[in-house]
Amino acid sequence: MQTKLKAGTEAKDAYLTVAETAKKLGINLCDYIADRISKKFNMPCLADLIFDNFTPQIEYHSVISIHSNFMLTQNKDRFFATCHLPLPGL
């Protein structure tokens, strides 16, 4: 699908972004657009749904050993070695 004007391209891109986001969130696109056009706002906005469904990807590490400036940690399947050197002048 092509557009003749820049405004048409921007409108198409915006529509496709909303469509993909709604699909990923399990929202019916037609219902969402109808809710916005009618200004009933019975459905939460997509930004709120994205925020509510966001779960940060945090890795937790278990400290295995600490020796002077060296620390060995482990998460579920990997080991990490960290060396902490003092900064000169601090």
N, C-alpha and C. Protein backbone atom coordinates (compact mmCIF):
# COMPACT_ATOMS: atom_id res chain seq x y z
N MET A 1 0.85 -1.16 0.00
CA MET A 1 0.00 0.00 0.00
C MET A 1 0.91 1.24 0.00
N GLN A 2 0.67 2.12 -0.95
CA GLN A 2 1.45 3.34 -1.05
C GLN A 2 0.55 4.56 -0.91
N THR A 3 1.15 5.66 -0.52
CA THR A 3 0.40 6.91 -0.40
C THR A 3 1.02 7.94 -1.33
N LYS A 4 0.23 8.96 -1.67
CA LYS A 4 0.71 10.00 -2.58
C LYS A 4 1.33 11.17 -1.82
N LEU A 5 0.86 11.42 -0.61
CA LEU A 5 1.33 12.57 0.15
C LEU A 5 2.03 12.13 1.43
N LYS A 6 2.90 13.00 1.93
CA LYS A 6 3.60 12.71 3.18
C LYS A 6 2.62 12.54 4.33
N ALA A 7 1.57 13.35 4.35
CA ALA A 7 0.56 13.23 5.42
C ALA A 7 -0.12 11.87 5.39
N GLY A 8 -0.35 11.35 4.18
CA GLY A 8 -0.94 10.02 4.05
C GLY A 8 -0.03 8.94 4.58
N THR A 9 1.26 9.07 4.31
CA THR A 9 2.25 8.11 4.81
C THR A 9 2.30 8.14 6.33
N GLU A 10 2.28 9.34 6.90
CA GLU A 10 2.30 9.47 8.35
C GLU A 10 1.04 8.89 8.98
N ALA A 11 -0.12 9.11 8.35
CA ALA A 11 -1.38 8.56 8.86
C ALA A 11 -1.36 7.04 8.80
N LYS A 12 -0.86 6.50 7.69
CA LYS A 12 -0.78 5.04 7.54
C LYS A 12 0.15 4.46 8.60
N ASP A 13 1.31 5.09 8.79
CA ASP A 13 2.27 4.61 9.79
C ASP A 13 1.66 4.64 11.19
N ALA A 14 0.95 5.70 11.51
CA ALA A 14 0.31 5.81 12.83
C ALA A 14 -0.74 4.72 13.00
N TYR A 15 -1.54 4.49 11.97
CA TYR A 15 -2.58 3.45 12.04
C TYR A 15 -1.94 2.08 12.25
N LEU A 16 -0.90 1.78 11.47
CA LEU A 16 -0.25 0.47 11.60
C LEU A 16 0.39 0.29 12.98
N THR A 17 0.93 1.37 13.54
CA THR A 17 1.51 1.29 14.88
C THR A 17 0.44 0.98 15.91
N VAL A 18 -0.70 1.66 15.83
CA VAL A 18 -1.81 1.40 16.75
C VAL A 18 -2.32 -0.03 16.55
N ALA A 19 -2.42 -0.46 15.29
CA ALA A 19 -2.92 -1.81 15.01
C ALA A 19 -2.00 -2.88 15.60
N GLU A 20 -0.70 -2.73 15.41
CA GLU A 20 0.26 -3.71 15.95
C GLU A 20 0.27 -3.71 17.48
N THR A 21 0.20 -2.52 18.06
CA THR A 21 0.21 -2.42 19.52
C THR A 21 -1.05 -3.06 20.09
N ALA A 22 -2.18 -2.77 19.50
CA ALA A 22 -3.44 -3.37 19.97
C ALA A 22 -3.39 -4.89 19.85
N LYS A 23 -2.85 -5.37 18.75
CA LYS A 23 -2.73 -6.83 18.55
C LYS A 23 -1.87 -7.46 19.63
N LYS A 24 -0.72 -6.84 19.92
CA LYS A 24 0.18 -7.37 20.94
C LYS A 24 -0.45 -7.37 22.33
N LEU A 25 -1.34 -6.40 22.58
CA LEU A 25 -1.99 -6.30 23.89
C LEU A 25 -3.29 -7.10 23.96
N GLY A 26 -3.69 -7.70 22.84
CA GLY A 26 -4.93 -8.49 22.81
C GLY A 26 -6.18 -7.63 22.80
N ILE A 27 -6.08 -6.43 22.25
CA ILE A 27 -7.20 -5.49 22.18
C ILE A 27 -7.80 -5.56 20.78
N ASN A 28 -9.12 -5.56 20.68
CA ASN A 28 -9.79 -5.52 19.38
C ASN A 28 -9.62 -4.12 18.80
N LEU A 29 -8.95 -4.02 17.64
CA LEU A 29 -8.64 -2.73 17.05
C LEU A 29 -9.89 -1.95 16.69
N CYS A 30 -10.90 -2.61 16.11
CA CYS A 30 -12.13 -1.91 15.73
C CYS A 30 -12.83 -1.34 16.96
N ASP A 31 -12.90 -2.11 18.02
CA ASP A 31 -13.53 -1.62 19.26
C ASP A 31 -12.75 -0.43 19.83
N TYR A 32 -11.42 -0.52 19.78
CA TYR A 32 -10.59 0.56 20.33
C TYR A 32 -10.78 1.85 19.53
N ILE A 33 -10.73 1.74 18.20
CA ILE A 33 -10.88 2.93 17.36
C ILE A 33 -12.29 3.52 17.52
N ALA A 34 -13.31 2.66 17.58
CA ALA A 34 -14.68 3.15 17.78
C ALA A 34 -14.81 3.87 19.12
N ASP A 35 -14.16 3.35 20.15
CA ASP A 35 -14.19 3.99 21.47
C ASP A 35 -13.54 5.37 21.42
N ARG A 36 -12.43 5.50 20.70
CA ARG A 36 -11.74 6.79 20.59
C ARG A 36 -12.54 7.78 19.75
N ILE A 37 -13.08 7.33 18.61
CA ILE A 37 -13.84 8.23 17.73
C ILE A 37 -15.10 8.73 18.41
N SER A 38 -15.78 7.83 19.15
CA SER A 38 -17.03 8.21 19.83
C SER A 38 -16.77 9.09 21.06
N LYS A 39 -15.51 9.16 21.48
CA LYS A 39 -15.08 9.91 22.68
C LYS A 39 -15.75 9.42 23.96
N LYS A 40 -16.11 8.13 23.97
CA LYS A 40 -16.66 7.53 25.19
C LYS A 40 -15.55 7.18 26.17
N PHE A 41 -14.42 6.79 25.65
CA PHE A 41 -13.24 6.44 26.44
C PHE A 41 -13.55 5.39 27.52
N ASN A 42 -14.33 4.38 27.12
CA ASN A 42 -14.60 3.27 28.03
C ASN A 42 -13.40 2.34 28.13
N MET A 43 -12.57 2.34 27.11
CA MET A 43 -11.38 1.49 27.11
C MET A 43 -10.18 2.32 27.53
N PRO A 44 -9.25 1.74 28.27
CA PRO A 44 -8.04 2.49 28.64
C PRO A 44 -7.20 2.75 27.39
N CYS A 45 -6.41 3.82 27.44
CA CYS A 45 -5.55 4.11 26.28
C CYS A 45 -4.44 3.06 26.20
N LEU A 46 -3.90 2.90 25.02
CA LEU A 46 -2.87 1.88 24.81
C LEU A 46 -1.64 2.13 25.66
N ALA A 47 -1.29 3.40 25.87
CA ALA A 47 -0.12 3.70 26.70
C ALA A 47 -0.29 3.18 28.12
N ASP A 48 -1.49 3.33 28.69
CA ASP A 48 -1.74 2.80 30.03
C ASP A 48 -1.65 1.29 30.06
N LEU A 49 -2.17 0.64 29.01
CA LEU A 49 -2.10 -0.82 28.96
C LEU A 49 -0.67 -1.31 28.82
N ILE A 50 0.14 -0.58 28.04
CA ILE A 50 1.55 -0.95 27.90
C ILE A 50 2.23 -0.84 29.25
N PHE A 51 1.99 0.26 29.95
CA PHE A 51 2.61 0.48 31.25
C PHE A 51 2.17 -0.59 32.25
N ASP A 52 0.88 -0.94 32.26
CA ASP A 52 0.36 -1.95 33.18
C ASP A 52 0.93 -3.34 32.90
N ASN A 53 1.24 -3.62 31.64
CA ASN A 53 1.75 -4.94 31.27
C ASN A 53 3.26 -5.03 31.27
N PHE A 54 3.94 -3.92 31.57
CA PHE A 54 5.40 -3.89 31.56
C PHE A 54 5.96 -4.62 32.76
N THR A 55 6.87 -5.54 32.51
CA THR A 55 7.61 -6.19 33.59
C THR A 55 9.09 -6.05 33.27
N PRO A 56 9.82 -5.38 34.13
CA PRO A 56 11.25 -5.19 33.84
C PRO A 56 12.00 -6.51 33.83
N GLN A 57 12.97 -6.60 32.96
CA GLN A 57 13.81 -7.79 32.85
C GLN A 57 15.02 -7.61 33.74
N ILE A 58 14.93 -8.12 34.95
CA ILE A 58 16.00 -7.98 35.92
C ILE A 58 16.62 -9.35 36.17
N GLU A 59 17.92 -9.40 36.12
CA GLU A 59 18.62 -10.63 36.46
C GLU A 59 19.14 -10.52 37.89
N TYR A 60 18.86 -11.53 38.67
CA TYR A 60 19.35 -11.56 40.04
C TYR A 60 20.58 -12.45 40.10
N HIS A 61 21.58 -11.98 40.78
CA HIS A 61 22.83 -12.72 40.90
C HIS A 61 23.05 -13.12 42.35
N SER A 62 23.56 -14.30 42.53
CA SER A 62 23.96 -14.77 43.85
C SER A 62 25.46 -14.57 44.00
N VAL A 63 25.86 -13.97 45.09
CA VAL A 63 27.29 -13.76 45.33
C VAL A 63 27.89 -15.08 45.78
N ILE A 64 28.92 -15.51 45.08
CA ILE A 64 29.58 -16.77 45.42
C ILE A 64 30.80 -16.51 46.29
N SER A 65 31.62 -15.54 45.90
CA SER A 65 32.78 -15.23 46.73
C SER A 65 33.23 -13.80 46.49
N ILE A 66 33.84 -13.22 47.52
CA ILE A 66 34.39 -11.88 47.43
C ILE A 66 35.82 -11.96 47.97
N HIS A 67 36.76 -11.47 47.20
CA HIS A 67 38.15 -11.45 47.63
C HIS A 67 38.75 -10.12 47.23
N SER A 68 39.12 -9.31 48.17
CA SER A 68 39.64 -7.94 48.00
C SER A 68 38.79 -7.18 46.98
N ASN A 69 39.28 -6.94 45.78
CA ASN A 69 38.54 -6.16 44.79
C ASN A 69 37.86 -7.03 43.73
N PHE A 70 37.73 -8.30 43.98
CA PHE A 70 37.19 -9.24 43.00
C PHE A 70 35.93 -9.89 43.56
N MET A 71 34.89 -9.98 42.73
CA MET A 71 33.64 -10.61 43.18
C MET A 71 33.18 -11.58 42.11
N LEU A 72 32.81 -12.79 42.50
CA LEU A 72 32.27 -13.80 41.60
C LEU A 72 30.80 -13.98 41.92
N THR A 73 29.95 -13.78 40.92
CA THR A 73 28.51 -13.94 41.11
C THR A 73 27.97 -14.93 40.10
N GLN A 74 26.74 -15.40 40.34
CA GLN A 74 26.12 -16.36 39.44
C GLN A 74 24.64 -16.05 39.33
N ASN A 75 24.10 -16.11 38.08
CA ASN A 75 22.66 -16.11 37.93
C ASN A 75 22.28 -17.54 37.58
N LYS A 76 21.13 -17.78 36.99
CA LYS A 76 20.68 -19.16 36.81
C LYS A 76 21.61 -20.05 36.00
N ASP A 77 22.31 -19.52 34.99
CA ASP A 77 23.15 -20.41 34.19
C ASP A 77 24.52 -19.83 33.81
N ARG A 78 24.89 -18.67 34.37
CA ARG A 78 26.17 -18.06 34.01
C ARG A 78 26.88 -17.54 35.25
N PHE A 79 28.20 -17.49 35.13
CA PHE A 79 29.03 -16.90 36.17
C PHE A 79 29.53 -15.55 35.69
N PHE A 80 29.68 -14.61 36.61
CA PHE A 80 30.19 -13.28 36.29
C PHE A 80 31.31 -12.93 37.27
N ALA A 81 32.42 -12.48 36.72
CA ALA A 81 33.52 -12.02 37.54
C ALA A 81 33.59 -10.51 37.42
N THR A 82 33.67 -9.84 38.53
CA THR A 82 33.71 -8.38 38.55
C THR A 82 34.92 -7.95 39.34
N CYS A 83 35.70 -7.07 38.76
CA CYS A 83 36.87 -6.53 39.44
C CYS A 83 36.62 -5.06 39.75
N HIS A 84 36.69 -4.69 41.01
CA HIS A 84 36.47 -3.31 41.43
C HIS A 84 37.82 -2.74 41.87
N LEU A 85 38.35 -1.86 41.05
CA LEU A 85 39.63 -1.24 41.36
C LEU A 85 39.40 0.14 41.95
N PRO A 86 40.16 0.53 42.97
CA PRO A 86 40.00 1.86 43.52
C PRO A 86 40.44 2.92 42.50
N LEU A 87 39.70 4.01 42.44
CA LEU A 87 40.05 5.10 41.53
C LEU A 87 41.12 5.97 42.17
N PRO A 88 42.15 6.32 41.40
CA PRO A 88 43.21 7.15 41.98
C PRO A 88 42.69 8.51 42.40
N GLY A 89 43.13 8.97 43.54
CA GLY A 89 42.76 10.30 44.02
C GLY A 89 41.45 10.34 44.79
N LEU A 90 40.78 9.20 44.95
CA LEU A 90 39.52 9.20 45.71
C LEU A 90 39.69 8.57 47.07
